Amino acid sequence: MYIVGSIVHVPEEKADILIAIHQKRSKLVN
């Protein structure tokens, strides 16, 4: 949820990177 709020404040390219990192973290957690 906190990633979504961050995306609004960064360019789309950086947002894609944040999403990728978030997905990797989610996979590690799961």
PDB file of N, CA and C in Angstrom:
ATOM      1  N   MET A   1       0.849  -1.194   0.000  1.00  0.00           N
ATOM      2  CA  MET A   1       0.000   0.000   0.000  1.00  0.00           C
ATOM      3  C   MET A   1       0.889   1.250   0.000  1.00  0.00           C
ATOM      4  N   TYR A   2       2.021   1.159   0.709  1.00  0.00           N
ATOM      5  CA  TYR A   2       2.911   2.322   0.842  1.00  0.00           C
ATOM      6  C   TYR A   2       3.662   2.562  -0.459  1.00  0.00           C
ATOM      7  N   ILE A   3       3.847   1.491  -1.247  1.00  0.00           N
ATOM      8  CA  ILE A   3       4.498   1.646  -2.561  1.00  0.00           C
ATOM      9  C   ILE A   3       3.595   2.470  -3.484  1.00  0.00           C
ATOM     10  N   VAL A   4       2.295   2.191  -3.469  1.00  0.00           N
ATOM     11  CA  VAL A   4       1.347   2.887  -4.335  1.00  0.00           C
ATOM     12  C   VAL A   4       1.403   4.390  -4.083  1.00  0.00           C
ATOM     13  N   GLY A   5       1.480   4.778  -2.825  1.00  0.00           N
ATOM     14  CA  GLY A   5       1.534   6.199  -2.490  1.00  0.00           C
ATOM     15  C   GLY A   5       2.824   6.836  -2.988  1.00  0.00           C
ATOM     16  N   SER A   6       3.898   6.038  -3.003  1.00  0.00           N
ATOM     17  CA  SER A   6       5.189   6.572  -3.435  1.00  0.00           C
ATOM     18  C   SER A   6       5.233   6.790  -4.940  1.00  0.00           C
ATOM     19  N   ILE A   7       4.528   5.928  -5.681  1.00  0.00           N
ATOM     20  CA  ILE A   7       4.566   6.007  -7.148  1.00  0.00           C
ATOM     21  C   ILE A   7       4.086   7.374  -7.631  1.00  0.00           C
ATOM     22  N   VAL A   8       3.145   7.968  -6.926  1.00  0.00           N
ATOM     23  CA  VAL A   8       2.581   9.253  -7.343  1.00  0.00           C
ATOM     24  C   VAL A   8       3.658  10.332  -7.396  1.00  0.00           C
ATOM     25  N   HIS A   9       4.674  10.194  -6.568  1.00  0.00           N
ATOM     26  CA  HIS A   9       5.676  11.253  -6.426  1.00  0.00           C
ATOM     27  C   HIS A   9       6.930  11.019  -7.263  1.00  0.00           C
ATOM     28  N   VAL A  10       6.959   9.923  -8.040  1.00  0.00           N
ATOM     29  CA  VAL A  10       8.166   9.625  -8.823  1.00  0.00           C
ATOM     30  C   VAL A  10       7.797   9.385 -10.281  1.00  0.00           C
ATOM     31  N   PRO A  11       8.745   9.586 -11.195  1.00  0.00           N
ATOM     32  CA  PRO A  11       8.517   9.324 -12.613  1.00  0.00           C
ATOM     33  C   PRO A  11       8.128   7.872 -12.845  1.00  0.00           C
ATOM     34  N   GLU A  12       7.493   7.626 -13.968  1.00  0.00           N
ATOM     35  CA  GLU A  12       6.994   6.271 -14.255  1.00  0.00           C
ATOM     36  C   GLU A  12       8.126   5.249 -14.278  1.00  0.00           C
ATOM     37  N   GLU A  13       9.271   5.640 -14.824  1.00  0.00           N
ATOM     38  CA  GLU A  13      10.395   4.701 -14.904  1.00  0.00           C
ATOM     39  C   GLU A  13      10.829   4.243 -13.517  1.00  0.00           C
ATOM     40  N   LYS A  14      10.941   5.205 -12.602  1.00  0.00           N
ATOM     41  CA  LYS A  14      11.332   4.845 -11.232  1.00  0.00           C
ATOM     42  C   LYS A  14      10.221   4.048 -10.568  1.00  0.00           C
ATOM     43  N   ALA A  15       8.984   4.368 -10.883  1.00  0.00           N
ATOM     44  CA  ALA A  15       7.861   3.642 -10.310  1.00  0.00           C
ATOM     45  C   ALA A  15       7.932   2.171 -10.714  1.00  0.00           C
ATOM     46  N   ASP A  16       8.279   1.927 -11.986  1.00  0.00           N
ATOM     47  CA  ASP A  16       8.394   0.542 -12.450  1.00  0.00           C
ATOM     48  C   ASP A  16       9.458  -0.197 -11.651  1.00  0.00           C
ATOM     49  N   ILE A  17      10.544   0.511 -11.350  1.00  0.00           N
ATOM     50  CA  ILE A  17      11.623  -0.116 -10.574  1.00  0.00           C
ATOM     51  C   ILE A  17      11.141  -0.434  -9.166  1.00  0.00           C
ATOM     52  N   LEU A  18      10.408   0.501  -8.571  1.00  0.00           N
ATOM     53  CA  LEU A  18       9.897   0.278  -7.218  1.00  0.00           C
ATOM     54  C   LEU A  18       8.946  -0.907  -7.204  1.00  0.00           C
ATOM     55  N   ILE A  19       8.093  -0.998  -8.232  1.00  0.00           N
ATOM     56  CA  ILE A  19       7.147  -2.111  -8.319  1.00  0.00           C
ATOM     57  C   ILE A  19       7.900  -3.430  -8.437  1.00  0.00           C
ATOM     58  N   ALA A  20       8.948  -3.433  -9.280  1.00  0.00           N
ATOM     59  CA  ALA A  20       9.744  -4.652  -9.452  1.00  0.00           C
ATOM     60  C   ALA A  20      10.380  -5.069  -8.130  1.00  0.00           C
ATOM     61  N   ILE A  21      10.926  -4.096  -7.407  1.00  0.00           N
ATOM     62  CA  ILE A  21      11.544  -4.384  -6.103  1.00  0.00           C
ATOM     63  C   ILE A  21      10.493  -4.906  -5.138  1.00  0.00           C
ATOM     64  N   HIS A  22       9.327  -4.281  -5.144  1.00  0.00           N
ATOM     65  CA  HIS A  22       8.253  -4.690  -4.240  1.00  0.00           C
ATOM     66  C   HIS A  22       7.828  -6.116  -4.532  1.00  0.00           C
ATOM     67  N   GLN A  23       7.715  -6.454  -5.830  1.00  0.00           N
ATOM     68  CA  GLN A  23       7.317  -7.809  -6.217  1.00  0.00           C
ATOM     69  C   GLN A  23       8.370  -8.819  -5.777  1.00  0.00           C
ATOM     70  N   LYS A  24       9.646  -8.459  -5.912  1.00  0.00           N
ATOM     71  CA  LYS A  24      10.722  -9.362  -5.490  1.00  0.00           C
ATOM     72  C   LYS A  24      10.650  -9.581  -3.988  1.00  0.00           C
ATOM     73  N   ARG A  25      10.409  -8.499  -3.247  1.00  0.00           N
ATOM     74  CA  ARG A  25      10.307  -8.620  -1.790  1.00  0.00           C
ATOM     75  C   ARG A  25       9.119  -9.507  -1.427  1.00  0.00           C
ATOM     76  N   SER A  26       8.010  -9.337  -2.138  1.00  0.00           N
ATOM     77  CA  SER A  26       6.820 -10.133  -1.860  1.00  0.00           C
ATOM     78  C   SER A  26       7.105 -11.615  -2.080  1.00  0.00           C
ATOM     79  N   LYS A  27       7.853 -11.909  -3.156  1.00  0.00           N
ATOM     80  CA  LYS A  27       8.193 -13.305  -3.441  1.00  0.00           C
ATOM     81  C   LYS A  27       9.066 -13.875  -2.326  1.00  0.00           C
ATOM     82  N   LEU A  28      10.006 -13.062  -1.836  1.00  0.00           N
ATOM     83  CA  LEU A  28      10.885 -13.532  -0.768  1.00  0.00           C
ATOM     84  C   LEU A  28      10.085 -13.782   0.503  1.00  0.00           C
ATOM     85  N   VAL A  29       9.152 -12.894   0.796  1.00  0.00           N
ATOM     86  CA  VAL A  29       8.330 -13.035   1.999  1.00  0.00           C
ATOM     87  C   VAL A  29       7.449 -14.269   1.902  1.00  0.00           C
ATOM     88  N   ASN A  30       6.866 -14.462   0.716  1.00  0.00           N
ATOM     89  CA  ASN A  30       5.977 -15.612   0.531  1.00  0.00           C
ATOM     90  C   ASN A  30       6.803 -16.886   0.431  1.00  0.00           C
TER      91      ASN A  30
END
